[in-house]
Amino acid sequence: MAKKASGRKYGRKASKKVEKAMHEKKRGTLRSGSGKKVTSRKQAIAIGLSEARREGGKVPAKKTSRKRSSAKTARKK
């Protein structure tokens, strides 16, 4: 039987930062890195997690895209 992973995925700092970012988004004061107003809920969450990550909070690493190797994409005869 597989062992179930325990514990929280995100820490309290991450929760607080996301909450703050969402509040700013609602008021219309949240800005992205380029200075534009943030209207997307997903972007607000990403900004909150990014800030928590910068301050050493418990946040999983960003997902990275993987490139396929040319051998796998080559056609089979």
Protein backbone atom coordinates (compact mmCIF):
# COMPACT_ATOMS: atom_id res chain seq x y z
CA MET A 1 0.00 0.00 0.00
CA ALA A 2 1.35 3.41 -1.01
CA LYS A 3 2.16 5.93 1.68
CA LYS A 4 -0.04 9.02 1.63
CA ALA A 5 1.81 12.34 1.47
CA SER A 6 1.10 14.44 4.52
CA GLY A 7 1.49 18.11 5.28
CA ARG A 8 0.55 21.29 3.54
CA LYS A 9 1.55 22.07 -0.01
CA TYR A 10 1.61 25.82 0.63
CA GLY A 11 2.70 27.60 3.82
CA ARG A 12 0.98 30.40 5.76
CA LYS A 13 3.14 33.08 4.15
CA ALA A 14 1.98 31.97 0.70
CA SER A 15 -1.64 32.08 1.84
CA LYS A 16 -1.27 35.62 3.21
CA LYS A 17 0.52 36.89 0.10
CA VAL A 18 -2.14 35.47 -2.24
CA GLU A 19 -4.90 36.89 -0.04
CA LYS A 20 -3.25 40.33 -0.17
CA ALA A 21 -2.78 40.15 -3.96
CA MET A 22 -6.42 39.15 -4.46
CA HIS A 23 -7.56 42.04 -2.27
CA GLU A 24 -5.46 44.49 -4.30
CA LYS A 25 -6.87 43.03 -7.53
CA LYS A 26 -10.42 43.57 -6.26
CA ARG A 27 -9.64 47.21 -5.44
CA GLY A 28 -7.89 47.68 -8.80
CA THR A 29 -4.50 48.57 -7.34
CA LEU A 30 -2.59 45.39 -8.23
CA ARG A 31 -0.02 45.90 -10.99
CA SER A 32 2.05 43.44 -12.95
CA GLY A 33 5.80 43.74 -13.51
CA SER A 34 5.26 45.87 -16.61
CA GLY A 35 3.07 48.28 -14.63
CA LYS A 36 -0.25 47.25 -16.20
CA LYS A 37 -3.34 46.72 -14.05
CA VAL A 38 -4.01 43.06 -13.23
CA THR A 39 -7.55 41.87 -14.02
CA SER A 40 -6.99 38.11 -14.14
CA ARG A 41 -7.61 36.02 -11.01
CA LYS A 42 -4.91 33.53 -12.06
CA GLN A 43 -2.38 36.31 -12.53
CA ALA A 44 -3.16 37.71 -9.06
CA ILE A 45 -2.56 34.27 -7.52
CA ALA A 46 0.69 33.91 -9.47
CA ILE A 47 1.91 37.29 -8.20
CA GLY A 48 1.09 36.33 -4.59
CA LEU A 49 2.91 33.00 -4.88
CA SER A 50 5.88 34.68 -6.54
CA GLU A 51 6.18 37.18 -3.68
CA ALA A 52 5.95 34.39 -1.10
CA ARG A 53 8.59 32.39 -2.98
CA ARG A 54 10.91 35.44 -2.99
CA GLU A 55 10.54 35.81 0.79
CA GLY A 56 11.31 32.15 1.45
CA GLY A 57 7.77 30.87 2.04
CA LYS A 58 6.76 27.25 1.56
CA VAL A 59 5.69 27.26 -2.08
CA PRO A 60 6.33 24.49 -4.63
CA ALA A 61 8.70 25.39 -7.48
CA LYS A 62 7.26 26.74 -10.71
CA LYS A 63 6.25 24.21 -13.34
CA THR A 64 8.62 24.16 -16.31
CA SER A 65 7.83 22.98 -19.80
CA ARG A 66 9.85 20.05 -21.09
CA LYS A 67 11.04 19.85 -24.67
CA ARG A 68 10.55 16.57 -26.48
CA SER A 69 13.62 14.80 -27.75
CA SER A 70 13.95 14.43 -31.51
CA ALA A 71 14.19 10.64 -31.18
CA LYS A 72 10.68 10.36 -29.76
CA THR A 73 9.14 12.62 -32.38
CA ALA A 74 10.82 10.82 -35.28
CA ARG A 75 8.46 8.76 -37.42
CA LYS A 76 8.40 5.00 -37.12
CA LYS A 77 8.54 2.96 -40.33
